[in-house]
Amino acid sequence: MGAGATNKIFPQEDVEDNTIGKQACTGRQGCSPLCCSRRGAWISAFFLLLLLLMLAALLALATILGRPSRVPGSQACVTWTNRTGFLCHDQKSCIPAHGVCDNIRTCPQGEDEDESLCRDVPRSLPSFLVSHCGDPKFWIYSDQKCDGTNNCGDCSDELSPVTACPPCGPSWWPCLPTVFRYCGCVPRTLCRDHVQHCSDWSDEYSCPGP
């Protein structure tokens, strides 16, 4: 190399620094603070999003499980006529037993017609709502027992030995009815109406009427 030649000295340090800087984010030996901070930020954001999704799922599950059940509870009550009734969810309304599953929503929230209650009547009904007749294949609502009416068809819901009902009340006249609808009494409203309802005609000649 001649004396007049100019020696070009390249900045080796700068070249090496740039090379190292380029390899910092792509190499496997390590990373620069800037690259690592970006990577850490993405990882942190991912885990934060995952945590939020998990919390949202737990909140939704808790909301679903925390909802009050629509299945009516087996709670009996006594109606104003002193008969067996069904207590509604409001803990105030007491509807007659025969008003359950009659396709008419009587409770304020309609739980007396709930599907879980009425899907397989009478097996799906609470036991206090059901009374069986002399023939076990037939059943009536418990408030229809001892009401003076032949609901079972064989008077087993009104007469012993199947049912021990009290004597006829003040609004009934005791006799052997000729009308299939009644068993051991007839309503006093039928007395002296010029129609025979008792086999001995006592409803026309002995009953004082209502």
C-alpha atoms as a PDB file:
ATOM      1  CA  MET A   1       0.000   0.000   0.000  1.00  0.00           C
ATOM      2  CA  GLY A   2       1.534   3.322  -1.046  1.00  0.00           C
ATOM      3  CA  ALA A   3       2.363   6.149   1.214  1.00  0.00           C
ATOM      4  CA  GLY A   4      -0.066   8.379  -0.592  1.00  0.00           C
ATOM      5  CA  ALA A   5      -2.920   5.985  -0.308  1.00  0.00           C
ATOM      6  CA  THR A   6      -5.588   6.904   2.080  1.00  0.00           C
ATOM      7  CA  ASN A   7      -6.478   4.278   4.597  1.00  0.00           C
ATOM      8  CA  LYS A   8     -10.228   4.036   4.998  1.00  0.00           C
ATOM      9  CA  ILE A   9     -10.990   2.915   8.434  1.00  0.00           C
ATOM     10  CA  PHE A  10     -14.576   1.799   8.922  1.00  0.00           C
ATOM     11  CA  PRO A  11     -16.184   2.295  12.329  1.00  0.00           C
ATOM     12  CA  GLN A  12     -16.154  -1.336  13.389  1.00  0.00           C
ATOM     13  CA  GLU A  13     -17.713  -0.542  16.684  1.00  0.00           C
ATOM     14  CA  ASP A  14     -20.744   1.112  15.079  1.00  0.00           C
ATOM     15  CA  VAL A  15     -21.213  -1.811  12.718  1.00  0.00           C
ATOM     16  CA  GLU A  16     -21.027  -4.263  15.536  1.00  0.00           C
ATOM     17  CA  ASP A  17     -23.420  -2.198  17.631  1.00  0.00           C
ATOM     18  CA  ASN A  18     -25.967  -2.056  14.813  1.00  0.00           C
ATOM     19  CA  THR A  19     -25.677  -5.772  14.230  1.00  0.00           C
ATOM     20  CA  ILE A  20     -26.191  -6.497  17.840  1.00  0.00           C
ATOM     21  CA  GLY A  21     -29.122  -4.104  17.921  1.00  0.00           C
ATOM     22  CA  LYS A  22     -30.763  -5.842  14.972  1.00  0.00           C
ATOM     23  CA  GLN A  23     -30.269  -9.234  16.522  1.00  0.00           C
ATOM     24  CA  ALA A  24     -31.587  -8.104  19.860  1.00  0.00           C
ATOM     25  CA  CYS A  25     -35.257  -8.631  18.936  1.00  0.00           C
ATOM     26  CA  THR A  26     -34.757 -11.541  16.580  1.00  0.00           C
ATOM     27  CA  GLY A  27     -31.952 -13.508  18.115  1.00  0.00           C
ATOM     28  CA  ARG A  28     -32.149 -16.163  20.762  1.00  0.00           C
ATOM     29  CA  GLN A  29     -29.334 -14.873  22.926  1.00  0.00           C
ATOM     30  CA  GLY A  30     -31.342 -12.077  24.571  1.00  0.00           C
ATOM     31  CA  CYS A  31     -33.272  -8.918  23.791  1.00  0.00           C
ATOM     32  CA  SER A  32     -32.953  -5.223  24.241  1.00  0.00           C
ATOM     33  CA  PRO A  33     -34.976  -3.461  26.949  1.00  0.00           C
ATOM     34  CA  LEU A  34     -37.281  -1.911  24.334  1.00  0.00           C
ATOM     35  CA  CYS A  35     -38.048  -5.191  22.626  1.00  0.00           C
ATOM     36  CA  CYS A  36     -38.561  -7.045  25.869  1.00  0.00           C
ATOM     37  CA  SER A  37     -40.861  -4.371  27.214  1.00  0.00           C
ATOM     38  CA  ARG A  38     -43.061  -4.605  24.119  1.00  0.00           C
ATOM     39  CA  ARG A  39     -43.184  -8.355  24.329  1.00  0.00           C
ATOM     40  CA  GLY A  40     -44.013  -8.190  28.027  1.00  0.00           C
ATOM     41  CA  ALA A  41     -46.773  -5.677  27.385  1.00  0.00           C
ATOM     42  CA  TRP A  42     -48.425  -8.000  24.842  1.00  0.00           C
ATOM     43  CA  ILE A  43     -48.191 -10.948  27.222  1.00  0.00           C
ATOM     44  CA  SER A  44     -49.622  -8.884  30.081  1.00  0.00           C
ATOM     45  CA  ALA A  45     -52.496  -7.676  27.898  1.00  0.00           C
ATOM     46  CA  PHE A  46     -53.277 -11.250  26.831  1.00  0.00           C
ATOM     47  CA  PHE A  47     -53.427 -12.538  30.400  1.00  0.00           C
ATOM     48  CA  LEU A  48     -55.480  -9.533  31.484  1.00  0.00           C
ATOM     49  CA  LEU A  49     -57.996 -10.203  28.720  1.00  0.00           C
ATOM     50  CA  LEU A  50     -58.108 -13.878  29.691  1.00  0.00           C
ATOM     51  CA  LEU A  51     -58.727 -12.932  33.329  1.00  0.00           C
ATOM     52  CA  LEU A  52     -61.535 -10.578  32.363  1.00  0.00           C
ATOM     53  CA  LEU A  53     -63.189 -13.284  30.266  1.00  0.00           C
ATOM     54  CA  MET A  54     -63.002 -15.730  33.167  1.00  0.00           C
ATOM     55  CA  LEU A  55     -64.520 -13.190  35.541  1.00  0.00           C
ATOM     56  CA  ALA A  56     -67.323 -12.479  33.072  1.00  0.00           C
ATOM     57  CA  ALA A  57     -68.062 -16.210  32.751  1.00  0.00           C
ATOM     58  CA  LEU A  58     -68.127 -16.650  36.532  1.00  0.00           C
ATOM     59  CA  LEU A  59     -70.424 -13.645  36.907  1.00  0.00           C
ATOM     60  CA  ALA A  60     -72.812 -15.014  34.294  1.00  0.00           C
ATOM     61  CA  LEU A  61     -72.829 -18.423  35.976  1.00  0.00           C
ATOM     62  CA  ALA A  62     -73.489 -16.879  39.379  1.00  0.00           C
ATOM     63  CA  THR A  63     -76.338 -14.838  37.925  1.00  0.00           C
ATOM     64  CA  ILE A  64     -77.972 -17.910  36.402  1.00  0.00           C
ATOM     65  CA  LEU A  65     -77.575 -20.037  39.526  1.00  0.00           C
ATOM     66  CA  GLY A  66     -78.653 -17.190  41.771  1.00  0.00           C
ATOM     67  CA  ARG A  67     -82.008 -16.706  40.112  1.00  0.00           C
ATOM     68  CA  PRO A  68     -84.961 -17.787  42.266  1.00  0.00           C
ATOM     69  CA  SER A  69     -86.378 -21.096  41.220  1.00  0.00           C
ATOM     70  CA  ARG A  70     -89.715 -21.059  39.403  1.00  0.00           C
ATOM     71  CA  VAL A  71     -90.622 -24.437  40.788  1.00  0.00           C
ATOM     72  CA  PRO A  72     -93.363 -23.907  43.334  1.00  0.00           C
ATOM     73  CA  GLY A  73     -92.566 -25.084  46.845  1.00  0.00           C
ATOM     74  CA  SER A  74     -94.741 -27.674  48.519  1.00  0.00           C
ATOM     75  CA  GLN A  75     -96.440 -25.301  50.898  1.00  0.00           C
ATOM     76  CA  ALA A  76     -99.967 -25.864  52.078  1.00  0.00           C
ATOM     77  CA  CYS A  77    -102.288 -23.224  53.465  1.00  0.00           C
ATOM     78  CA  VAL A  78    -105.897 -22.925  54.604  1.00  0.00           C
ATOM     79  CA  THR A  79    -108.343 -20.938  52.475  1.00  0.00           C
ATOM     80  CA  TRP A  80    -110.968 -18.579  53.843  1.00  0.00           C
ATOM     81  CA  THR A  81    -113.490 -21.429  53.499  1.00  0.00           C
ATOM     82  CA  ASN A  82    -111.310 -23.561  55.793  1.00  0.00           C
ATOM     83  CA  ARG A  83    -110.227 -25.873  52.987  1.00  0.00           C
ATOM     84  CA  THR A  84    -106.796 -27.063  51.867  1.00  0.00           C
ATOM     85  CA  GLY A  85    -105.056 -24.524  49.660  1.00  0.00           C
ATOM     86  CA  PHE A  86    -101.836 -23.826  47.772  1.00  0.00           C
ATOM     87  CA  LEU A  87     -99.597 -21.014  49.034  1.00  0.00           C
ATOM     88  CA  CYS A  88     -98.239 -18.826  46.246  1.00  0.00           C
ATOM     89  CA  HIS A  89     -94.683 -17.507  46.069  1.00  0.00           C
ATOM     90  CA  ASP A  90     -95.727 -14.156  47.543  1.00  0.00           C
ATOM     91  CA  GLN A  91     -96.441 -15.996  50.818  1.00  0.00           C
ATOM     92  CA  LYS A  92     -99.788 -14.174  50.982  1.00  0.00           C
ATOM     93  CA  SER A  93    -102.092 -15.616  48.345  1.00  0.00           C
ATOM     94  CA  CYS A  94    -103.726 -18.926  49.274  1.00  0.00           C
ATOM     95  CA  ILE A  95    -105.643 -20.410  46.375  1.00  0.00           C
ATOM     96  CA  PRO A  96    -107.948 -23.490  46.551  1.00  0.00           C
ATOM     97  CA  ALA A  97    -106.235 -26.797  45.878  1.00  0.00           C
ATOM     98  CA  HIS A  98    -108.443 -27.475  42.853  1.00  0.00           C
ATOM     99  CA  GLY A  99    -107.220 -24.193  41.347  1.00  0.00           C
ATOM    100  CA  VAL A 100    -103.764 -25.696  40.718  1.00  0.00           C
ATOM    101  CA  CYS A 101    -103.082 -26.861  37.154  1.00  0.00           C
ATOM    102  CA  ASP A 102    -106.506 -25.838  35.880  1.00  0.00           C
ATOM    103  CA  ASN A 103    -105.056 -23.793  32.973  1.00  0.00           C
ATOM    104  CA  ILE A 104    -105.873 -20.576  34.803  1.00  0.00           C
ATOM    105  CA  ARG A 105    -103.021 -18.605  36.386  1.00  0.00           C
ATOM    106  CA  THR A 106    -104.436 -17.716  39.783  1.00  0.00           C
ATOM    107  CA  CYS A 107    -101.242 -16.907  41.716  1.00  0.00           C
ATOM    108  CA  PRO A 108     -99.824 -13.402  41.086  1.00  0.00           C
ATOM    109  CA  GLN A 109     -96.739 -14.926  39.411  1.00  0.00           C
ATOM    110  CA  GLY A 110     -98.622 -17.823  37.808  1.00  0.00           C
ATOM    111  CA  GLU A 111     -96.669 -20.541  39.608  1.00  0.00           C
ATOM    112  CA  ASP A 112     -99.854 -22.592  40.106  1.00  0.00           C
ATOM    113  CA  GLU A 113     -99.565 -23.466  36.394  1.00  0.00           C
ATOM    114  CA  ASP A 114     -95.801 -24.066  36.380  1.00  0.00           C
ATOM    115  CA  GLU A 115     -94.687 -26.789  33.957  1.00  0.00           C
ATOM    116  CA  SER A 116     -92.747 -28.673  36.613  1.00  0.00           C
ATOM    117  CA  LEU A 117     -95.888 -28.780  38.746  1.00  0.00           C
ATOM    118  CA  CYS A 118     -98.350 -29.764  36.035  1.00  0.00           C
ATOM    119  CA  ARG A 119     -96.330 -31.906  33.626  1.00  0.00           C
ATOM    120  CA  ASP A 120     -97.498 -35.248  35.065  1.00  0.00           C
ATOM    121  CA  VAL A 121    -100.603 -34.716  37.188  1.00  0.00           C
ATOM    122  CA  PRO A 122    -101.185 -36.074  39.790  1.00  0.00           C
ATOM    123  CA  ARG A 123     -97.679 -37.530  40.286  1.00  0.00           C
ATOM    124  CA  SER A 124     -96.037 -34.141  39.850  1.00  0.00           C
ATOM    125  CA  LEU A 125     -98.338 -32.506  42.419  1.00  0.00           C
ATOM    126  CA  PRO A 126     -97.399 -32.143  46.100  1.00  0.00           C
ATOM    127  CA  SER A 127     -99.070 -34.852  48.156  1.00  0.00           C
ATOM    128  CA  PHE A 128    -101.152 -32.386  50.180  1.00  0.00           C
ATOM    129  CA  LEU A 129    -103.041 -31.419  47.015  1.00  0.00           C
ATOM    130  CA  VAL A 130    -104.104 -34.965  46.119  1.00  0.00           C
ATOM    131  CA  SER A 131    -106.701 -37.307  47.622  1.00  0.00           C
ATOM    132  CA  HIS A 132    -107.335 -40.774  46.217  1.00  0.00           C
ATOM    133  CA  CYS A 133    -110.754 -42.321  45.751  1.00  0.00           C
ATOM    134  CA  GLY A 134    -111.907 -45.801  46.746  1.00  0.00           C
ATOM    135  CA  ASP A 135    -110.588 -46.975  43.390  1.00  0.00           C
ATOM    136  CA  PRO A 136    -106.874 -45.981  43.490  1.00  0.00           C
ATOM    137  CA  LYS A 137    -106.942 -45.298  39.756  1.00  0.00           C
ATOM    138  CA  PHE A 138    -109.024 -42.181  40.430  1.00  0.00           C
ATOM    139  CA  TRP A 139    -108.087 -39.102  42.390  1.00  0.00           C
ATOM    140  CA  ILE A 140    -109.467 -35.699  43.321  1.00  0.00           C
ATOM    141  CA  TYR A 141    -108.020 -32.512  44.747  1.00  0.00           C
ATOM    142  CA  SER A 142    -107.827 -32.595  48.529  1.00  0.00           C
ATOM    143  CA  ASP A 143    -110.247 -29.688  48.955  1.00  0.00           C
ATOM    144  CA  GLN A 144    -112.900 -31.676  47.057  1.00  0.00           C
ATOM    145  CA  LYS A 145    -113.017 -34.276  49.792  1.00  0.00           C
ATOM    146  CA  CYS A 146    -115.906 -33.957  52.254  1.00  0.00           C
ATOM    147  CA  ASP A 147    -117.457 -31.083  50.326  1.00  0.00           C
ATOM    148  CA  GLY A 148    -120.804 -32.846  49.956  1.00  0.00           C
ATOM    149  CA  THR A 149    -120.342 -33.482  46.247  1.00  0.00           C
ATOM    150  CA  ASN A 150    -119.761 -36.869  44.637  1.00  0.00           C
ATOM    151  CA  ASN A 151    -116.419 -36.019  43.026  1.00  0.00           C
ATOM    152  CA  CYS A 152    -115.110 -39.609  42.918  1.00  0.00           C
ATOM    153  CA  GLY A 153    -118.262 -40.978  41.310  1.00  0.00           C
ATOM    154  CA  ASP A 154    -118.722 -43.657  43.985  1.00  0.00           C
ATOM    155  CA  CYS A 155    -119.086 -41.289  46.959  1.00  0.00           C
ATOM    156  CA  SER A 156    -115.847 -42.637  48.437  1.00  0.00           C
ATOM    157  CA  ASP A 157    -114.710 -39.040  48.924  1.00  0.00           C
ATOM    158  CA  GLU A 158    -117.759 -38.362  51.105  1.00  0.00           C
ATOM    159  CA  LEU A 159    -118.694 -41.569  52.903  1.00  0.00           C
ATOM    160  CA  SER A 160    -116.896 -44.049  55.144  1.00  0.00           C
ATOM    161  CA  PRO A 161    -115.044 -46.361  55.268  1.00  0.00           C
ATOM    162  CA  VAL A 162    -112.795 -44.626  52.729  1.00  0.00           C
ATOM    163  CA  THR A 163    -113.344 -41.128  54.074  1.00  0.00           C
ATOM    164  CA  ALA A 164    -114.406 -40.057  57.547  1.00  0.00           C
ATOM    165  CA  CYS A 165    -116.243 -36.833  56.810  1.00  0.00           C
ATOM    166  CA  PRO A 166    -118.038 -34.768  59.450  1.00  0.00           C
ATOM    167  CA  PRO A 167    -121.863 -34.689  59.461  1.00  0.00           C
ATOM    168  CA  CYS A 168    -123.666 -32.466  57.024  1.00  0.00           C
ATOM    169  CA  GLY A 169    -123.070 -28.822  57.757  1.00  0.00           C
ATOM    170  CA  PRO A 170    -125.787 -26.263  58.469  1.00  0.00           C
ATOM    171  CA  SER A 171    -126.220 -25.496  54.782  1.00  0.00           C
ATOM    172  CA  TRP A 172    -126.921 -29.144  53.950  1.00  0.00           C
ATOM    173  CA  TRP A 173    -129.871 -31.481  54.582  1.00  0.00           C
ATOM    174  CA  PRO A 174    -129.004 -35.123  55.521  1.00  0.00           C
ATOM    175  CA  CYS A 175    -130.783 -37.796  53.500  1.00  0.00           C
ATOM    176  CA  LEU A 176    -130.182 -40.479  50.887  1.00  0.00           C
ATOM    177  CA  PRO A 177    -130.055 -38.407  47.727  1.00  0.00           C
ATOM    178  CA  THR A 178    -131.640 -39.478  44.493  1.00  0.00           C
ATOM    179  CA  VAL A 179    -129.270 -37.234  42.532  1.00  0.00           C
ATOM    180  CA  PHE A 180    -125.941 -38.752  41.498  1.00  0.00           C
ATOM    181  CA  ARG A 181    -124.159 -35.495  42.237  1.00  0.00           C
ATOM    182  CA  TYR A 182    -124.659 -35.802  46.013  1.00  0.00           C
ATOM    183  CA  CYS A 183    -123.952 -38.544  48.552  1.00  0.00           C
ATOM    184  CA  GLY A 184    -125.278 -38.226  52.136  1.00  0.00           C
ATOM    185  CA  CYS A 185    -126.637 -34.665  52.007  1.00  0.00           C
ATOM    186  CA  VAL A 186    -128.278 -32.249  49.644  1.00  0.00           C
ATOM    187  CA  PRO A 187    -127.956 -28.467  49.720  1.00  0.00           C
ATOM    188  CA  ARG A 188    -130.739 -26.776  51.648  1.00  0.00           C
ATOM    189  CA  THR A 189    -131.181 -24.496  48.661  1.00  0.00           C
ATOM    190  CA  LEU A 190    -132.846 -27.495  46.954  1.00  0.00           C
ATOM    191  CA  CYS A 191    -135.403 -27.955  49.722  1.00  0.00           C
ATOM    192  CA  ARG A 192    -139.060 -27.204  48.924  1.00  0.00           C
ATOM    193  CA  ASP A 193    -138.334 -26.503  45.270  1.00  0.00           C
ATOM    194  CA  HIS A 194    -141.057 -29.001  44.234  1.00  0.00           C
ATOM    195  CA  VAL A 195    -138.418 -31.457  42.962  1.00  0.00           C
ATOM    196  CA  GLN A 196    -137.492 -34.691  44.734  1.00  0.00           C
ATOM    197  CA  HIS A 197    -133.823 -34.824  45.727  1.00  0.00           C
ATOM    198  CA  CYS A 198    -134.098 -37.214  48.696  1.00  0.00           C
ATOM    199  CA  SER A 199    -135.350 -40.767  48.352  1.00  0.00           C
ATOM    200  CA  ASP A 200    -137.794 -40.189  51.267  1.00  0.00           C
ATOM    201  CA  TRP A 201    -139.005 -36.808  49.968  1.00  0.00           C
ATOM    202  CA  SER A 202    -137.762 -35.219  53.173  1.00  0.00           C
ATOM    203  CA  ASP A 203    -136.293 -32.363  51.152  1.00  0.00           C
ATOM    204  CA  GLU A 204    -139.860 -31.343  50.262  1.00  0.00           C
ATOM    205  CA  TYR A 205    -141.745 -32.157  53.427  1.00  0.00           C
ATOM    206  CA  SER A 206    -139.266 -32.004  56.338  1.00  0.00           C
ATOM    207  CA  CYS A 207    -136.433 -29.706  55.322  1.00  0.00           C
ATOM    208  CA  PRO A 208    -137.115 -26.134  56.456  1.00  0.00           C
ATOM    209  CA  GLY A 209    -135.134 -24.758  53.567  1.00  0.00           C
ATOM    210  CA  PRO A 210    -132.094 -22.445  53.602  1.00  0.00           C
END
